[in-house]
C-alpha cells in the first residue's frame, strides 16, 4: 500500500516511479484522475526521454478539453512495490502525470479528506 496526499487543489496525489528503457528510475508525483479510464497519461516528451516504445498510431479520444490524438506507449511503472508494464497514453499538451481508474481494478483506494488519509494498495 502506498500513502498519498491531498494536494493544495484537493487532488489525490501519489508518489510513483517511472522506469526508463535503460532501467533508470524517475520518481514522480501522479494525480489519480477518476475521469481518465486508462492506466497512465504523460507528456510525449517525457515518454521519449524514458525511451518507451511507441506502440501504434495515435488514439483519438474525447477529453474534457475536446477531441485529442494521444500517442500510445508501453511503459514500466513501479507502484506499491510492484513493477508493472502498462499502456501509457501521451500527449503534447499534458502538464501532469495522471493515473487512471484502471488501477482501481487491482488496487484499493481509501480517500478520507477530513481525516487526511489517502492510500492506494
C-alpha atoms as a PDB file:
ATOM      1  CA  UNK A   1       0.000   0.000   0.000  1.00  0.00           C
ATOM      2  CA  UNK A   2       1.250   3.487  -0.802  1.00  0.00           C
ATOM      3  CA  UNK A   3       0.301   6.612   1.057  1.00  0.00           C
ATOM      4  CA  UNK A   4      -0.749   9.636  -0.896  1.00  0.00           C
ATOM      5  CA  UNK A   5      -1.645  13.184  -0.083  1.00  0.00           C
ATOM      6  CA  UNK A   6      -4.324  15.659  -0.995  1.00  0.00           C
ATOM      7  CA  UNK A   7      -2.548  18.459  -2.849  1.00  0.00           C
ATOM      8  CA  UNK A   8      -3.456  22.132  -2.481  1.00  0.00           C
ATOM      9  CA  UNK A   9      -6.276  21.688  -5.030  1.00  0.00           C
ATOM     10  CA  UNK A  10      -7.633  18.673  -3.133  1.00  0.00           C
ATOM     11  CA  UNK A  11      -6.486  16.249  -5.840  1.00  0.00           C
ATOM     12  CA  UNK A  12      -5.397  12.708  -4.968  1.00  0.00           C
ATOM     13  CA  UNK A  13      -1.619  12.674  -5.388  1.00  0.00           C
ATOM     14  CA  UNK A  14       0.710   9.671  -5.143  1.00  0.00           C
ATOM     15  CA  UNK A  15       4.459   9.180  -5.483  1.00  0.00           C
ATOM     16  CA  UNK A  16       5.209   6.588  -8.169  1.00  0.00           C
ATOM     17  CA  UNK A  17       8.284   5.701 -10.180  1.00  0.00           C
ATOM     18  CA  UNK A  18       8.585   5.592 -13.944  1.00  0.00           C
ATOM     19  CA  UNK A  19      11.282   3.239 -15.216  1.00  0.00           C
ATOM     20  CA  UNK A  20      13.167   4.149 -18.370  1.00  0.00           C
ATOM     21  CA  UNK A  21      14.223   1.691 -21.057  1.00  0.00           C
ATOM     22  CA  UNK A  22      17.758   1.788 -19.580  1.00  0.00           C
ATOM     23  CA  UNK A  23      16.234   0.845 -16.171  1.00  0.00           C
ATOM     24  CA  UNK A  24      16.827   4.278 -14.628  1.00  0.00           C
ATOM     25  CA  UNK A  25      14.190   5.175 -12.009  1.00  0.00           C
ATOM     26  CA  UNK A  26      12.347   8.500 -12.205  1.00  0.00           C
ATOM     27  CA  UNK A  27      10.207   9.268  -9.141  1.00  0.00           C
ATOM     28  CA  UNK A  28       7.221  11.481  -9.991  1.00  0.00           C
ATOM     29  CA  UNK A  29       4.071  12.770  -8.377  1.00  0.00           C
ATOM     30  CA  UNK A  30       0.967  11.469 -10.129  1.00  0.00           C
ATOM     31  CA  UNK A  31      -2.643  12.523  -9.711  1.00  0.00           C
ATOM     32  CA  UNK A  32      -5.372   9.899  -9.648  1.00  0.00           C
ATOM     33  CA  UNK A  33      -7.969  11.133 -12.135  1.00  0.00           C
ATOM     34  CA  UNK A  34     -11.301   9.303 -11.900  1.00  0.00           C
ATOM     35  CA  UNK A  35     -12.298  10.791 -15.252  1.00  0.00           C
ATOM     36  CA  UNK A  36      -9.404   9.049 -17.010  1.00  0.00           C
ATOM     37  CA  UNK A  37     -10.212   5.437 -17.901  1.00  0.00           C
ATOM     38  CA  UNK A  38      -6.767   4.091 -18.784  1.00  0.00           C
ATOM     39  CA  UNK A  39      -3.580   3.362 -16.799  1.00  0.00           C
ATOM     40  CA  UNK A  40      -1.277   6.347 -17.187  1.00  0.00           C
ATOM     41  CA  UNK A  41      -1.126   9.659 -19.052  1.00  0.00           C
ATOM     42  CA  UNK A  42       2.090  11.640 -19.509  1.00  0.00           C
ATOM     43  CA  UNK A  43       3.618  14.245 -21.775  1.00  0.00           C
ATOM     44  CA  UNK A  44       5.086  12.847 -25.014  1.00  0.00           C
ATOM     45  CA  UNK A  45       8.467  14.456 -24.295  1.00  0.00           C
ATOM     46  CA  UNK A  46       8.669  12.523 -21.021  1.00  0.00           C
ATOM     47  CA  UNK A  47       7.806   9.248 -22.786  1.00  0.00           C
ATOM     48  CA  UNK A  48      10.507   9.975 -25.357  1.00  0.00           C
ATOM     49  CA  UNK A  49      13.088  10.764 -22.620  1.00  0.00           C
ATOM     50  CA  UNK A  50      12.216   7.454 -20.961  1.00  0.00           C
ATOM     51  CA  UNK A  51      12.691   5.806 -24.373  1.00  0.00           C
ATOM     52  CA  UNK A  52       9.417   3.970 -24.030  1.00  0.00           C
ATOM     53  CA  UNK A  53       8.305   2.162 -27.155  1.00  0.00           C
ATOM     54  CA  UNK A  54       5.537   3.783 -29.126  1.00  0.00           C
ATOM     55  CA  UNK A  55       3.096   1.012 -29.948  1.00  0.00           C
ATOM     56  CA  UNK A  56       0.821   2.131 -32.770  1.00  0.00           C
ATOM     57  CA  UNK A  57      -0.907   5.024 -34.441  1.00  0.00           C
ATOM     58  CA  UNK A  58      -2.294   7.769 -32.183  1.00  0.00           C
ATOM     59  CA  UNK A  59      -5.617   7.144 -30.494  1.00  0.00           C
ATOM     60  CA  UNK A  60      -8.471   9.621 -30.981  1.00  0.00           C
ATOM     61  CA  UNK A  61     -10.072  10.332 -27.596  1.00  0.00           C
ATOM     62  CA  UNK A  62     -12.620  12.702 -26.088  1.00  0.00           C
ATOM     63  CA  UNK A  63     -11.137  14.707 -23.215  1.00  0.00           C
ATOM     64  CA  UNK A  64     -12.517  17.465 -21.016  1.00  0.00           C
ATOM     65  CA  UNK A  65     -10.778  19.899 -23.370  1.00  0.00           C
ATOM     66  CA  UNK A  66     -12.166  18.354 -26.562  1.00  0.00           C
ATOM     67  CA  UNK A  67     -11.002  15.755 -29.088  1.00  0.00           C
ATOM     68  CA  UNK A  68      -7.299  14.844 -28.776  1.00  0.00           C
ATOM     69  CA  UNK A  69      -4.968  12.447 -30.537  1.00  0.00           C
ATOM     70  CA  UNK A  70      -2.806  10.658 -27.960  1.00  0.00           C
ATOM     71  CA  UNK A  71       0.213   8.503 -28.660  1.00  0.00           C
ATOM     72  CA  UNK A  72       0.318   5.017 -27.147  1.00  0.00           C
ATOM     73  CA  UNK A  73       3.419   3.716 -25.378  1.00  0.00           C
ATOM     74  CA  UNK A  74       4.403   0.661 -23.415  1.00  0.00           C
ATOM     75  CA  UNK A  75       5.732   1.910 -20.095  1.00  0.00           C
ATOM     76  CA  UNK A  76       7.092   0.450 -16.889  1.00  0.00           C
ATOM     77  CA  UNK A  77       5.737   1.798 -13.610  1.00  0.00           C
ATOM     78  CA  UNK A  78       6.761   0.979 -10.052  1.00  0.00           C
ATOM     79  CA  UNK A  79       3.762   1.359  -7.773  1.00  0.00           C
ATOM     80  CA  UNK A  80       3.102  -0.197  -4.384  1.00  0.00           C
ATOM     81  CA  UNK A  81       6.341  -2.203  -4.672  1.00  0.00           C
ATOM     82  CA  UNK A  82       5.258  -3.792  -7.964  1.00  0.00           C
ATOM     83  CA  UNK A  83       6.946  -3.200 -11.296  1.00  0.00           C
ATOM     84  CA  UNK A  84       4.263  -3.310 -13.982  1.00  0.00           C
ATOM     85  CA  UNK A  85       4.227  -2.896 -17.741  1.00  0.00           C
ATOM     86  CA  UNK A  86       1.198  -0.808 -18.689  1.00  0.00           C
ATOM     87  CA  UNK A  87      -0.272   1.029 -21.630  1.00  0.00           C
ATOM     88  CA  UNK A  88       0.604   4.706 -21.413  1.00  0.00           C
ATOM     89  CA  UNK A  89      -1.104   7.488 -23.324  1.00  0.00           C
ATOM     90  CA  UNK A  90       0.958  10.522 -24.213  1.00  0.00           C
ATOM     91  CA  UNK A  91       0.060  13.964 -25.430  1.00  0.00           C
ATOM     92  CA  UNK A  92       1.963  17.112 -26.291  1.00  0.00           C
ATOM     93  CA  UNK A  93      -0.178  19.300 -24.010  1.00  0.00           C
ATOM     94  CA  UNK A  94      -0.156  17.082 -20.911  1.00  0.00           C
ATOM     95  CA  UNK A  95       1.142  19.006 -17.892  1.00  0.00           C
ATOM     96  CA  UNK A  96       0.807  16.410 -15.105  1.00  0.00           C
ATOM     97  CA  UNK A  97       1.256  12.673 -14.786  1.00  0.00           C
ATOM     98  CA  UNK A  98      -2.180  11.101 -14.350  1.00  0.00           C
ATOM     99  CA  UNK A  99      -3.118   7.691 -13.010  1.00  0.00           C
ATOM    100  CA  UNK A 100      -6.383   6.394 -14.400  1.00  0.00           C
ATOM    101  CA  UNK A 101      -9.157   4.367 -12.834  1.00  0.00           C
ATOM    102  CA  UNK A 102      -7.826   1.103 -14.303  1.00  0.00           C
ATOM    103  CA  UNK A 103      -5.590   0.959 -11.227  1.00  0.00           C
ATOM    104  CA  UNK A 104      -8.727   0.582  -9.106  1.00  0.00           C
ATOM    105  CA  UNK A 105      -9.402  -2.827 -10.639  1.00  0.00           C
ATOM    106  CA  UNK A 106      -6.356  -4.118  -8.737  1.00  0.00           C
ATOM    107  CA  UNK A 107      -5.701  -1.572  -6.009  1.00  0.00           C
ATOM    108  CA  UNK A 108      -7.974  -0.459  -3.200  1.00  0.00           C
ATOM    109  CA  UNK A 109      -8.372   3.297  -2.840  1.00  0.00           C
ATOM    110  CA  UNK A 110      -9.066   4.830   0.561  1.00  0.00           C
ATOM    111  CA  UNK A 111      -9.681   8.576   0.458  1.00  0.00           C
ATOM    112  CA  UNK A 112     -10.820  10.295   3.643  1.00  0.00           C
ATOM    113  CA  UNK A 113     -10.230  14.002   3.133  1.00  0.00           C
ATOM    114  CA  UNK A 114     -11.425  15.045   6.606  1.00  0.00           C
ATOM    115  CA  UNK A 115      -9.019  12.600   8.304  1.00  0.00           C
ATOM    116  CA  UNK A 116      -6.187  13.306   5.841  1.00  0.00           C
ATOM    117  CA  UNK A 117      -5.979   9.617   4.889  1.00  0.00           C
ATOM    118  CA  UNK A 118      -5.172   8.644   1.300  1.00  0.00           C
ATOM    119  CA  UNK A 119      -3.892   5.193   0.373  1.00  0.00           C
ATOM    120  CA  UNK A 120      -3.715   3.026  -2.718  1.00  0.00           C
ATOM    121  CA  UNK A 121      -2.893  -0.635  -2.386  1.00  0.00           C
END
